[in-house]
N, C-alpha and C. Protein backbone atom coordinates (compact mmCIF):
# COMPACT_ATOMS: atom_id res chain seq x y z
N MET A 1 79.88 85.81 22.62
CA MET A 1 79.74 86.76 23.70
C MET A 1 78.72 87.60 23.31
N THR A 2 77.50 88.07 23.82
CA THR A 2 76.76 89.06 22.96
C THR A 2 77.46 90.59 23.55
N LEU A 3 76.80 91.65 23.40
CA LEU A 3 76.93 92.82 23.84
C LEU A 3 76.17 93.22 25.11
N PRO A 4 76.99 93.94 26.16
CA PRO A 4 76.18 94.26 27.55
C PRO A 4 74.91 94.78 27.09
N GLU A 5 73.98 94.90 28.36
CA GLU A 5 72.71 95.68 27.99
C GLU A 5 73.10 96.94 27.84
N GLY A 6 72.15 97.83 27.21
CA GLY A 6 72.37 99.40 27.16
C GLY A 6 73.55 99.84 26.10
N LEU A 7 73.84 98.95 25.46
CA LEU A 7 74.64 99.08 23.90
C LEU A 7 73.69 99.31 22.98
N GLU A 8 73.14 100.51 22.56
CA GLU A 8 72.45 100.58 21.56
C GLU A 8 72.98 101.31 20.22
N PRO A 9 72.38 101.20 19.05
CA PRO A 9 73.06 101.88 17.79
C PRO A 9 73.34 103.74 18.20
N GLY A 10 74.44 103.97 17.87
CA GLY A 10 74.63 105.46 18.50
C GLY A 10 75.38 105.45 19.21
N SER A 11 75.82 104.49 20.15
CA SER A 11 76.49 104.49 20.85
C SER A 11 78.19 104.44 20.82
N ARG A 12 79.03 104.79 21.77
CA ARG A 12 80.49 104.95 21.20
C ARG A 12 81.09 103.70 21.71
N ILE A 13 81.50 102.79 21.61
CA ILE A 13 81.93 101.66 22.08
C ILE A 13 83.43 101.02 21.66
N VAL A 14 83.85 100.26 22.16
CA VAL A 14 85.28 99.64 22.18
C VAL A 14 85.03 98.13 22.08
N VAL A 15 85.37 97.05 20.98
CA VAL A 15 85.24 95.99 20.93
C VAL A 15 86.37 95.13 20.74
N ARG A 16 86.82 94.14 21.57
CA ARG A 16 87.74 93.18 21.49
C ARG A 16 87.18 91.99 20.67
N TYR A 17 87.70 91.58 19.62
CA TYR A 17 87.08 90.42 18.70
C TYR A 17 88.42 89.43 18.26
N ARG A 18 88.13 88.40 17.97
CA ARG A 18 89.18 87.41 17.32
C ARG A 18 89.07 87.38 15.97
N ILE A 19 90.38 87.49 15.23
CA ILE A 19 90.74 87.59 14.02
C ILE A 19 91.58 86.46 13.61
N ASP A 20 91.64 86.28 12.27
CA ASP A 20 92.85 85.24 12.05
C ASP A 20 94.00 86.04 11.71
N GLY A 21 95.20 85.12 11.86
CA GLY A 21 96.36 85.88 11.91
C GLY A 21 97.38 85.52 13.12
N PRO A 22 98.67 86.35 12.99
CA PRO A 22 99.66 85.58 13.98
C PRO A 22 99.26 86.51 15.74
N LEU A 23 98.27 87.48 15.40
CA LEU A 23 97.89 88.13 16.73
C LEU A 23 96.39 87.79 16.82
N PRO A 24 96.09 87.07 17.45
CA PRO A 24 94.41 86.77 17.34
C PRO A 24 93.36 87.31 17.75
N LEU A 25 93.82 88.80 18.51
CA LEU A 25 92.95 89.83 18.85
C LEU A 25 92.86 91.25 18.36
N THR A 26 92.06 91.62 18.12
CA THR A 26 92.11 93.17 17.58
C THR A 26 90.92 93.87 18.43
N ASP A 27 91.12 95.14 18.29
CA ASP A 27 89.76 96.17 18.72
C ASP A 27 89.46 97.11 17.61
N ALA A 28 87.94 97.20 17.67
CA ALA A 28 87.33 98.35 16.97
C ALA A 28 87.12 99.18 18.00
N LEU A 29 87.16 100.82 17.68
CA LEU A 29 86.68 101.84 18.44
C LEU A 29 86.11 102.84 17.44
N GLY A 30 84.69 102.96 17.90
CA GLY A 30 83.83 103.82 17.05
C GLY A 30 82.27 103.79 17.44
N VAL A 31 81.61 103.99 16.55
CA VAL A 31 80.00 104.14 17.08
C VAL A 31 79.15 103.09 16.51
N LEU A 32 78.56 102.42 17.48
CA LEU A 32 77.80 101.15 17.14
C LEU A 32 76.66 101.51 15.86
N LEU A 33 76.55 101.01 14.35
CA LEU A 33 75.65 101.16 13.81
C LEU A 33 74.64 100.37 13.78
N SER A 34 74.98 99.26 13.99
CA SER A 34 73.77 98.09 14.20
C SER A 34 73.94 96.86 14.69
N LYS A 35 73.29 96.37 15.44
CA LYS A 35 73.42 94.92 15.83
C LYS A 35 72.17 93.99 15.73
N ASP A 36 72.61 92.78 15.74
CA ASP A 36 71.56 91.78 15.70
C ASP A 36 72.04 90.60 16.15
N ALA A 37 71.33 89.21 16.14
CA ALA A 37 71.82 88.10 16.78
C ALA A 37 73.07 87.63 16.37
N GLU A 38 73.41 87.90 14.94
CA GLU A 38 74.69 87.61 13.99
C GLU A 38 75.94 87.95 14.18
N SER A 39 75.69 89.37 14.09
CA SER A 39 76.98 90.34 13.97
C SER A 39 76.56 91.83 14.70
N ILE A 40 77.55 92.51 14.62
CA ILE A 40 77.43 94.05 14.81
C ILE A 40 78.12 94.87 13.91
N SER A 41 77.93 96.14 13.44
CA SER A 41 78.71 96.74 12.53
C SER A 41 78.82 98.32 13.65
N VAL A 42 80.68 98.35 13.22
CA VAL A 42 81.13 99.80 14.00
C VAL A 42 81.28 100.55 13.02
N GLN A 43 81.07 101.94 13.12
CA GLN A 43 81.76 102.89 12.28
C GLN A 43 83.05 103.40 13.14
N THR A 44 84.22 102.87 12.33
CA THR A 44 85.56 103.52 12.96
C THR A 44 85.90 104.22 11.81
N LYS A 45 87.12 105.13 12.34
CA LYS A 45 87.99 106.12 11.34
C LYS A 45 88.28 105.54 10.12
N ARG A 46 88.58 104.00 10.22
CA ARG A 46 88.70 103.39 9.10
C ARG A 46 88.05 103.04 8.01
N GLY A 47 86.48 103.07 8.83
CA GLY A 47 85.41 102.65 7.84
C GLY A 47 84.54 101.86 8.65
N VAL A 48 83.78 101.02 8.23
CA VAL A 48 82.82 100.19 8.84
C VAL A 48 83.19 99.22 8.92
N VAL A 49 83.10 98.18 10.28
CA VAL A 49 83.57 97.03 10.23
C VAL A 49 82.48 96.22 11.09
N VAL A 50 82.47 94.95 10.35
CA VAL A 50 81.46 94.06 10.74
C VAL A 50 82.25 92.95 11.38
N ILE A 51 81.48 92.76 12.93
CA ILE A 51 82.17 91.77 13.45
C ILE A 51 81.02 90.74 13.71
N ARG A 52 81.31 89.40 13.56
CA ARG A 52 80.68 88.45 14.15
C ARG A 52 80.12 88.34 15.66
N SER A 53 79.02 88.18 16.30
CA SER A 53 78.89 88.09 17.67
C SER A 53 79.66 86.76 18.18
N SER A 54 79.89 85.75 17.59
CA SER A 54 80.84 84.74 18.12
C SER A 54 81.95 85.14 18.16
N ASP A 55 82.47 86.10 17.55
CA ASP A 55 83.96 86.77 17.58
C ASP A 55 84.27 87.73 18.77
N ILE A 56 83.09 88.18 19.32
CA ILE A 56 83.36 88.99 20.10
C ILE A 56 83.94 88.63 21.81
N VAL A 57 84.98 89.18 22.14
CA VAL A 57 85.48 88.61 23.45
C VAL A 57 85.26 89.42 24.59
N ALA A 58 85.29 90.93 24.07
CA ALA A 58 84.98 91.98 25.39
C ALA A 58 84.19 93.19 24.52
N ALA A 59 83.08 94.11 25.32
CA ALA A 59 82.75 94.96 24.62
C ALA A 59 82.40 95.97 25.77
N LYS A 60 82.34 97.37 25.46
CA LYS A 60 82.00 98.27 26.33
C LYS A 60 81.94 99.89 25.79
N ALA A 61 81.16 100.72 26.57
CA ALA A 61 80.72 101.85 26.11
C ALA A 61 81.84 102.57 26.81
N VAL A 62 82.12 103.78 25.68
CA VAL A 62 83.37 104.42 25.90
C VAL A 62 82.73 105.98 26.00
N PRO A 63 83.44 107.04 26.52
CA PRO A 63 83.10 108.46 26.30
C PRO A 63 83.49 109.01 25.32
N ALA A 64 82.76 110.24 25.05
CA ALA A 64 83.02 110.78 23.60
C ALA A 64 84.68 111.04 23.15
N ALA A 65 85.04 111.27 22.06
CA ALA A 65 86.50 111.25 22.15
C ALA A 65 87.03 112.92 22.78
N ALA A 66 88.25 112.60 23.23
CA ALA A 66 88.56 114.19 23.75
C ALA A 66 88.57 115.33 22.56
N ARG A 67 88.72 116.56 22.59
CA ARG A 67 88.98 117.53 21.61
C ARG A 67 90.52 117.43 21.52
N ARG A 68 90.83 118.11 20.54
CA ARG A 68 92.24 118.20 20.19
C ARG A 68 92.51 119.34 20.61
N ARG A 69 93.61 119.85 21.39
CA ARG A 69 94.03 120.88 21.80
C ARG A 69 95.10 121.57 20.68
N ALA A 70 94.44 123.17 20.65
CA ALA A 70 95.36 124.16 19.59
C ALA A 70 96.67 123.92 19.79
N GLN A 71 97.42 123.93 18.60
CA GLN A 71 98.89 123.94 18.80
C GLN A 71 99.38 125.29 19.33
N ARG A 72 100.45 125.26 20.27
CA ARG A 72 101.15 126.48 20.66
C ARG A 72 101.83 127.15 19.58
N ALA A 73 101.83 128.35 19.44
CA ALA A 73 102.80 129.08 18.17
C ALA A 73 104.27 129.42 18.86
């Protein structure tokens, strides 16, 4: 699958993609760093994830993360 139109580097996205292991799919949530015909790179909280285009099952833009509320005393 290819990325939907309009997803450009700097966009916040979620990508569901295939992996090896007992659970065959996982998600990456973060900022799209780069994309080309072979792969995409997503900056997540845990670091940069490189995903082959052929492993992408679904992808979409998501809104900015909500701000955390201050804790009550």
